[in-house]
N, C-alpha and C. Protein backbone atom coordinates (compact mmCIF):
# COMPACT_ATOMS: atom_id res chain seq x y z
N MET A 1 -27.66 -12.55 11.41
CA MET A 1 -26.70 -11.69 12.06
C MET A 1 -27.22 -10.25 11.97
N LYS A 2 -27.27 -9.58 13.09
CA LYS A 2 -27.80 -8.22 13.13
C LYS A 2 -26.70 -7.20 12.86
N ALA A 3 -26.98 -6.28 11.97
CA ALA A 3 -26.03 -5.22 11.65
C ALA A 3 -26.05 -4.15 12.73
N THR A 4 -24.93 -3.48 12.90
CA THR A 4 -24.83 -2.35 13.81
C THR A 4 -25.56 -1.17 13.20
N GLU A 5 -26.24 -0.41 14.02
CA GLU A 5 -26.91 0.81 13.55
C GLU A 5 -25.92 1.97 13.60
N TYR A 6 -26.02 2.89 12.64
CA TYR A 6 -25.14 4.05 12.57
C TYR A 6 -25.15 4.81 13.91
N GLU A 7 -26.33 4.97 14.49
CA GLU A 7 -26.47 5.73 15.73
C GLU A 7 -25.74 5.09 16.91
N ASP A 8 -25.45 3.80 16.81
CA ASP A 8 -24.77 3.09 17.90
C ASP A 8 -23.25 3.23 17.83
N ILE A 9 -22.74 3.74 16.73
CA ILE A 9 -21.30 3.89 16.54
C ILE A 9 -20.84 5.18 17.21
N GLU A 10 -19.75 5.11 17.97
CA GLU A 10 -19.23 6.29 18.66
C GLU A 10 -17.77 6.53 18.28
N ILE A 11 -17.41 7.80 18.19
CA ILE A 11 -16.01 8.16 17.95
C ILE A 11 -15.17 7.58 19.09
N GLY A 12 -14.05 6.97 18.73
CA GLY A 12 -13.17 6.34 19.72
C GLY A 12 -13.36 4.84 19.84
N GLN A 13 -14.48 4.31 19.35
CA GLN A 13 -14.67 2.86 19.37
C GLN A 13 -13.60 2.21 18.51
N SER A 14 -13.15 1.02 18.92
CA SER A 14 -12.13 0.33 18.14
C SER A 14 -12.35 -1.17 18.18
N ALA A 15 -11.70 -1.84 17.25
CA ALA A 15 -11.74 -3.30 17.19
C ALA A 15 -10.45 -3.79 16.57
N GLU A 16 -10.10 -5.04 16.86
CA GLU A 16 -8.87 -5.63 16.34
C GLU A 16 -9.10 -7.04 15.83
N VAL A 17 -8.28 -7.40 14.87
CA VAL A 17 -8.18 -8.76 14.37
C VAL A 17 -6.70 -9.13 14.43
N VAL A 18 -6.39 -10.32 14.92
CA VAL A 18 -5.00 -10.77 15.04
C VAL A 18 -4.83 -12.03 14.21
N ARG A 19 -3.74 -12.07 13.44
CA ARG A 19 -3.48 -13.23 12.58
C ARG A 19 -1.98 -13.44 12.44
N THR A 20 -1.53 -14.67 12.61
CA THR A 20 -0.14 -15.03 12.35
C THR A 20 -0.03 -15.52 10.92
N ILE A 21 0.89 -14.92 10.17
CA ILE A 21 1.05 -15.21 8.75
C ILE A 21 1.78 -16.54 8.56
N THR A 22 1.20 -17.41 7.73
CA THR A 22 1.78 -18.72 7.46
C THR A 22 2.18 -18.84 5.99
N GLU A 23 2.96 -19.85 5.71
CA GLU A 23 3.31 -20.19 4.33
C GLU A 23 2.04 -20.42 3.52
N ASP A 24 1.08 -21.14 4.11
CA ASP A 24 -0.18 -21.42 3.42
C ASP A 24 -0.94 -20.13 3.08
N ASP A 25 -0.89 -19.12 3.97
CA ASP A 25 -1.55 -17.85 3.69
C ASP A 25 -0.99 -17.22 2.43
N ILE A 26 0.33 -17.20 2.33
CA ILE A 26 0.97 -16.59 1.16
C ILE A 26 0.65 -17.39 -0.11
N GLN A 27 0.70 -18.70 -0.02
CA GLN A 27 0.38 -19.54 -1.19
C GLN A 27 -1.07 -19.33 -1.61
N THR A 28 -1.98 -19.35 -0.66
CA THR A 28 -3.40 -19.19 -0.97
C THR A 28 -3.66 -17.82 -1.58
N PHE A 29 -3.05 -16.78 -1.01
CA PHE A 29 -3.25 -15.44 -1.56
C PHE A 29 -2.69 -15.35 -2.97
N GLY A 30 -1.52 -15.94 -3.19
CA GLY A 30 -0.96 -15.97 -4.55
C GLY A 30 -1.89 -16.69 -5.51
N ASP A 31 -2.44 -17.82 -5.08
CA ASP A 31 -3.35 -18.57 -5.93
C ASP A 31 -4.62 -17.78 -6.24
N LEU A 32 -5.16 -17.09 -5.26
CA LEU A 32 -6.38 -16.30 -5.46
C LEU A 32 -6.14 -15.07 -6.32
N SER A 33 -5.03 -14.40 -6.10
CA SER A 33 -4.77 -13.12 -6.77
C SER A 33 -4.00 -13.28 -8.07
N GLY A 34 -3.26 -14.37 -8.21
CA GLY A 34 -2.39 -14.53 -9.36
C GLY A 34 -1.06 -13.81 -9.20
N ASP A 35 -0.80 -13.27 -8.02
CA ASP A 35 0.44 -12.53 -7.75
C ASP A 35 1.49 -13.50 -7.21
N TYR A 36 2.37 -13.93 -8.11
CA TYR A 36 3.45 -14.85 -7.75
C TYR A 36 4.81 -14.15 -7.80
N ASN A 37 4.82 -12.86 -7.46
CA ASN A 37 6.06 -12.10 -7.41
C ASN A 37 7.10 -12.90 -6.62
N PRO A 38 8.33 -13.03 -7.14
CA PRO A 38 9.35 -13.81 -6.44
C PRO A 38 9.67 -13.27 -5.04
N LEU A 39 9.34 -12.03 -4.78
CA LEU A 39 9.53 -11.48 -3.44
C LEU A 39 8.73 -12.25 -2.40
N HIS A 40 7.63 -12.86 -2.84
CA HIS A 40 6.76 -13.63 -1.95
C HIS A 40 7.03 -15.13 -2.00
N PHE A 41 7.68 -15.61 -3.11
CA PHE A 41 7.77 -17.05 -3.33
C PHE A 41 9.17 -17.63 -3.51
N ASP A 42 10.16 -16.81 -3.77
CA ASP A 42 11.51 -17.30 -4.06
C ASP A 42 12.48 -16.78 -3.01
N GLU A 43 12.76 -17.62 -2.02
CA GLU A 43 13.62 -17.21 -0.88
C GLU A 43 15.00 -16.78 -1.34
N GLU A 44 15.60 -17.54 -2.25
CA GLU A 44 16.96 -17.20 -2.70
C GLU A 44 16.99 -15.82 -3.36
N TRP A 45 16.02 -15.55 -4.22
CA TRP A 45 15.97 -14.25 -4.86
C TRP A 45 15.66 -13.15 -3.84
N ALA A 46 14.70 -13.42 -2.95
CA ALA A 46 14.29 -12.42 -1.96
C ALA A 46 15.45 -12.03 -1.03
N LYS A 47 16.38 -12.97 -0.79
CA LYS A 47 17.55 -12.66 0.04
C LYS A 47 18.40 -11.55 -0.56
N THR A 48 18.32 -11.37 -1.88
CA THR A 48 19.13 -10.35 -2.55
C THR A 48 18.47 -8.97 -2.52
N THR A 49 17.26 -8.87 -2.00
CA THR A 49 16.53 -7.61 -1.99
C THR A 49 16.78 -6.84 -0.69
N MET A 50 16.25 -5.65 -0.64
CA MET A 50 16.37 -4.81 0.56
C MET A 50 15.71 -5.45 1.78
N PHE A 51 14.83 -6.43 1.58
CA PHE A 51 14.14 -7.08 2.69
C PHE A 51 14.93 -8.24 3.28
N GLY A 52 15.83 -8.83 2.49
CA GLY A 52 16.69 -9.90 2.98
C GLY A 52 16.03 -11.26 3.08
N SER A 53 14.74 -11.33 2.82
CA SER A 53 14.01 -12.60 2.84
C SER A 53 12.64 -12.38 2.21
N ARG A 54 11.90 -13.47 2.04
CA ARG A 54 10.55 -13.37 1.50
C ARG A 54 9.67 -12.54 2.44
N ILE A 55 8.69 -11.87 1.83
CA ILE A 55 7.71 -11.14 2.62
C ILE A 55 6.32 -11.47 2.12
N ALA A 56 5.33 -11.21 2.95
CA ALA A 56 3.93 -11.42 2.57
C ALA A 56 3.49 -10.31 1.63
N HIS A 57 2.47 -10.58 0.84
CA HIS A 57 1.86 -9.57 -0.01
C HIS A 57 1.32 -8.44 0.88
N GLY A 58 1.54 -7.20 0.48
CA GLY A 58 1.01 -6.08 1.25
C GLY A 58 -0.50 -6.10 1.33
N ILE A 59 -1.14 -6.49 0.24
CA ILE A 59 -2.60 -6.51 0.22
C ILE A 59 -3.15 -7.64 1.10
N LEU A 60 -2.38 -8.69 1.30
CA LEU A 60 -2.78 -9.73 2.25
C LEU A 60 -2.88 -9.12 3.65
N THR A 61 -1.89 -8.33 4.02
CA THR A 61 -1.92 -7.65 5.31
C THR A 61 -3.14 -6.73 5.38
N ALA A 62 -3.39 -5.98 4.32
CA ALA A 62 -4.53 -5.06 4.29
C ALA A 62 -5.86 -5.80 4.40
N ALA A 63 -5.91 -7.04 3.96
CA ALA A 63 -7.16 -7.81 4.03
C ALA A 63 -7.65 -7.96 5.46
N PHE A 64 -6.75 -7.95 6.42
CA PHE A 64 -7.17 -8.10 7.81
C PHE A 64 -7.90 -6.85 8.31
N ILE A 65 -7.64 -5.70 7.68
CA ILE A 65 -8.42 -4.50 7.98
C ILE A 65 -9.85 -4.72 7.52
N SER A 66 -10.00 -5.29 6.33
CA SER A 66 -11.34 -5.59 5.83
C SER A 66 -12.08 -6.53 6.78
N THR A 67 -11.37 -7.51 7.34
CA THR A 67 -11.97 -8.43 8.29
C THR A 67 -12.44 -7.68 9.53
N ALA A 68 -11.60 -6.80 10.06
CA ALA A 68 -11.96 -6.03 11.25
C ALA A 68 -13.19 -5.17 10.99
N ILE A 69 -13.24 -4.53 9.81
CA ILE A 69 -14.36 -3.66 9.47
C ILE A 69 -15.63 -4.47 9.23
N GLY A 70 -15.53 -5.51 8.42
CA GLY A 70 -16.71 -6.27 8.02
C GLY A 70 -17.28 -7.19 9.08
N MET A 71 -16.42 -7.60 10.01
CA MET A 71 -16.89 -8.57 11.01
C MET A 71 -16.99 -8.00 12.42
N LYS A 72 -16.29 -6.89 12.70
CA LYS A 72 -16.27 -6.37 14.07
C LYS A 72 -16.77 -4.94 14.20
N LEU A 73 -16.17 -3.99 13.47
CA LEU A 73 -16.54 -2.59 13.63
C LEU A 73 -16.47 -1.86 12.30
N PRO A 74 -17.55 -1.41 11.79
CA PRO A 74 -18.91 -1.50 12.30
C PRO A 74 -19.51 -2.91 12.27
N GLY A 75 -19.00 -3.80 11.41
CA GLY A 75 -19.48 -5.18 11.42
C GLY A 75 -20.32 -5.51 10.19
N PRO A 76 -21.07 -6.62 10.27
CA PRO A 76 -21.87 -7.08 9.14
C PRO A 76 -22.79 -5.97 8.61
N GLY A 77 -22.85 -5.88 7.29
CA GLY A 77 -23.66 -4.85 6.66
C GLY A 77 -22.87 -3.60 6.32
N THR A 78 -21.58 -3.59 6.65
CA THR A 78 -20.74 -2.43 6.34
C THR A 78 -20.37 -2.45 4.86
N ILE A 79 -20.41 -1.29 4.25
CA ILE A 79 -20.00 -1.13 2.85
C ILE A 79 -18.73 -0.30 2.84
N TYR A 80 -17.68 -0.88 2.30
CA TYR A 80 -16.37 -0.23 2.17
C TYR A 80 -16.47 0.78 1.03
N MET A 81 -16.20 2.04 1.27
CA MET A 81 -16.28 3.07 0.22
C MET A 81 -14.89 3.45 -0.29
N SER A 82 -13.93 3.54 0.61
CA SER A 82 -12.56 3.86 0.18
C SER A 82 -11.58 3.45 1.27
N GLN A 83 -10.32 3.29 0.84
CA GLN A 83 -9.23 2.94 1.77
C GLN A 83 -7.97 3.63 1.28
N LYS A 84 -7.39 4.44 2.14
CA LYS A 84 -6.06 5.00 1.89
C LYS A 84 -5.11 4.19 2.75
N MET A 85 -3.93 3.87 2.20
CA MET A 85 -2.97 3.13 3.03
C MET A 85 -1.55 3.37 2.56
N ARG A 86 -0.66 3.26 3.53
CA ARG A 86 0.78 3.34 3.28
C ARG A 86 1.41 2.10 3.92
N PHE A 87 2.21 1.42 3.14
CA PHE A 87 2.92 0.25 3.65
C PHE A 87 4.21 0.75 4.30
N MET A 88 4.35 0.49 5.58
CA MET A 88 5.44 1.07 6.37
C MET A 88 6.58 0.09 6.62
N GLY A 89 6.32 -1.20 6.50
CA GLY A 89 7.35 -2.19 6.75
C GLY A 89 6.89 -3.56 6.30
N PRO A 90 7.84 -4.48 6.15
CA PRO A 90 7.50 -5.82 5.66
C PRO A 90 6.81 -6.69 6.72
N VAL A 91 6.03 -7.63 6.22
CA VAL A 91 5.44 -8.67 7.05
C VAL A 91 6.01 -9.99 6.54
N ARG A 92 6.52 -10.80 7.45
CA ARG A 92 7.18 -12.05 7.08
C ARG A 92 6.39 -13.26 7.60
N ILE A 93 6.68 -14.41 7.03
CA ILE A 93 6.07 -15.65 7.52
C ILE A 93 6.42 -15.78 9.00
N GLY A 94 5.42 -16.05 9.81
CA GLY A 94 5.61 -16.18 11.25
C GLY A 94 5.29 -14.91 12.02
N ASP A 95 5.19 -13.77 11.32
CA ASP A 95 4.82 -12.53 12.00
C ASP A 95 3.35 -12.58 12.40
N THR A 96 3.05 -11.99 13.53
CA THR A 96 1.67 -11.86 13.98
C THR A 96 1.23 -10.42 13.75
N VAL A 97 0.22 -10.28 12.90
CA VAL A 97 -0.29 -8.97 12.51
C VAL A 97 -1.55 -8.67 13.32
N THR A 98 -1.58 -7.47 13.89
CA THR A 98 -2.79 -6.97 14.55
C THR A 98 -3.33 -5.84 13.69
N ALA A 99 -4.52 -6.04 13.14
CA ALA A 99 -5.20 -5.00 12.37
C ALA A 99 -6.18 -4.31 13.31
N ARG A 100 -6.00 -3.00 13.47
CA ARG A 100 -6.84 -2.23 14.40
C ARG A 100 -7.56 -1.14 13.63
N VAL A 101 -8.85 -1.03 13.86
CA VAL A 101 -9.65 0.04 13.29
C VAL A 101 -10.24 0.85 14.43
N GLU A 102 -10.30 2.17 14.23
CA GLU A 102 -10.86 3.05 15.25
C GLU A 102 -11.69 4.13 14.57
N VAL A 103 -12.86 4.38 15.10
CA VAL A 103 -13.75 5.42 14.57
C VAL A 103 -13.14 6.78 14.92
N VAL A 104 -12.87 7.58 13.88
CA VAL A 104 -12.29 8.90 14.11
C VAL A 104 -13.22 10.03 13.69
N GLN A 105 -14.24 9.72 12.89
CA GLN A 105 -15.16 10.77 12.45
C GLN A 105 -16.46 10.14 11.97
N LYS A 106 -17.56 10.88 12.18
CA LYS A 106 -18.87 10.48 11.66
C LYS A 106 -19.47 11.65 10.88
N ASP A 107 -20.07 11.34 9.75
CA ASP A 107 -20.78 12.33 8.95
C ASP A 107 -22.26 12.01 9.06
N ASP A 108 -22.95 12.71 9.96
CA ASP A 108 -24.36 12.41 10.23
C ASP A 108 -25.26 12.68 9.03
N THR A 109 -24.88 13.62 8.18
CA THR A 109 -25.69 13.94 7.00
C THR A 109 -25.71 12.78 6.02
N LYS A 110 -24.52 12.24 5.73
CA LYS A 110 -24.42 11.14 4.77
C LYS A 110 -24.36 9.77 5.44
N LYS A 111 -24.31 9.76 6.76
CA LYS A 111 -24.20 8.51 7.56
C LYS A 111 -22.98 7.70 7.13
N ARG A 112 -21.86 8.39 7.08
CA ARG A 112 -20.58 7.76 6.75
C ARG A 112 -19.66 7.81 7.96
N ILE A 113 -18.80 6.83 8.04
CA ILE A 113 -17.89 6.69 9.18
C ILE A 113 -16.45 6.63 8.66
N THR A 114 -15.58 7.43 9.25
CA THR A 114 -14.16 7.39 8.91
C THR A 114 -13.44 6.62 10.01
N LEU A 115 -12.62 5.67 9.60
CA LEU A 115 -11.88 4.82 10.53
C LEU A 115 -10.38 4.97 10.31
N SER A 116 -9.64 5.09 11.38
CA SER A 116 -8.19 4.94 11.32
C SER A 116 -7.93 3.46 11.16
N THR A 117 -7.01 3.08 10.27
CA THR A 117 -6.69 1.67 10.04
C THR A 117 -5.19 1.47 10.17
N VAL A 118 -4.79 0.64 11.12
CA VAL A 118 -3.36 0.44 11.39
C VAL A 118 -3.11 -1.05 11.59
N CYS A 119 -2.04 -1.55 10.97
CA CYS A 119 -1.59 -2.91 11.23
C CYS A 119 -0.21 -2.83 11.87
N THR A 120 -0.03 -3.59 12.93
CA THR A 120 1.26 -3.68 13.61
C THR A 120 1.71 -5.13 13.63
N ASN A 121 3.02 -5.33 13.81
CA ASN A 121 3.53 -6.69 13.96
C ASN A 121 3.67 -7.03 15.45
N GLN A 122 4.18 -8.19 15.74
CA GLN A 122 4.30 -8.67 17.11
C GLN A 122 5.23 -7.81 17.96
N ASP A 123 6.06 -6.99 17.34
CA ASP A 123 6.96 -6.09 18.07
C ASP A 123 6.37 -4.70 18.24
N GLY A 124 5.11 -4.53 17.81
CA GLY A 124 4.45 -3.23 17.92
C GLY A 124 4.83 -2.25 16.82
N GLU A 125 5.58 -2.71 15.82
CA GLU A 125 5.97 -1.85 14.71
C GLU A 125 4.81 -1.70 13.72
N VAL A 126 4.55 -0.47 13.29
CA VAL A 126 3.50 -0.23 12.32
C VAL A 126 3.98 -0.71 10.95
N VAL A 127 3.21 -1.62 10.35
CA VAL A 127 3.55 -2.13 9.02
C VAL A 127 2.60 -1.59 7.95
N LEU A 128 1.47 -1.06 8.36
CA LEU A 128 0.51 -0.45 7.45
C LEU A 128 -0.25 0.61 8.22
N ASP A 129 -0.42 1.77 7.59
CA ASP A 129 -1.13 2.88 8.22
C ASP A 129 -2.11 3.43 7.20
N GLY A 130 -3.32 3.76 7.63
CA GLY A 130 -4.26 4.30 6.67
C GLY A 130 -5.55 4.78 7.27
N GLU A 131 -6.53 4.95 6.38
CA GLU A 131 -7.84 5.46 6.77
C GLU A 131 -8.88 4.89 5.83
N ALA A 132 -10.02 4.49 6.38
CA ALA A 132 -11.11 3.93 5.58
C ALA A 132 -12.36 4.78 5.75
N LEU A 133 -13.16 4.81 4.69
CA LEU A 133 -14.47 5.43 4.73
C LEU A 133 -15.49 4.34 4.47
N VAL A 134 -16.48 4.24 5.36
CA VAL A 134 -17.49 3.18 5.24
C VAL A 134 -18.88 3.76 5.48
N THR A 135 -19.86 2.99 5.09
CA THR A 135 -21.25 3.30 5.41
C THR A 135 -21.92 1.98 5.78
N LEU A 136 -23.09 2.06 6.37
CA LEU A 136 -23.78 0.87 6.81
C LEU A 136 -25.01 0.60 5.95
N MET A 137 -25.24 -0.66 5.69
CA MET A 137 -26.39 -1.09 4.92
C MET A 137 -27.38 -1.71 5.88
N LYS A 138 -28.64 -1.45 5.67
CA LYS A 138 -29.67 -2.07 6.50
C LYS A 138 -29.76 -3.55 6.18
N MET A 139 -29.76 -4.37 7.21
CA MET A 139 -29.93 -5.82 7.03
C MET A 139 -31.21 -6.21 7.74
N GLU A 140 -32.07 -6.87 7.05
CA GLU A 140 -33.36 -7.30 7.63
C GLU A 140 -33.22 -8.69 8.19
């Protein structure tokens, strides 16, 4: 797989990853992370919270940003340096999340790229908003 070259990246370029959240996604993420917070696993308890039902892990939603960055833009060979994010709303089982990344700045001296990172649900509501800093690694 050929990595994207820094010089080929342009401000305004964007990419998206779309994923519908399933029960299995939440279970698998809980198993991998060890996060079995009842907000994600206990419907009866979750009904008593401000969300009114179970929600997906916030970091599960954020993982789709990593997918967009690592597989699409800039793509293979990208090194994640930092991620700022704000969780704006819940993601529930059955929601379709669109993770969108867009190049907003390039640092030619350090060859670093700043990306806007936004996740929306099927209704177009922003559920996660943030910014990532990445650099590219040479792949032979």
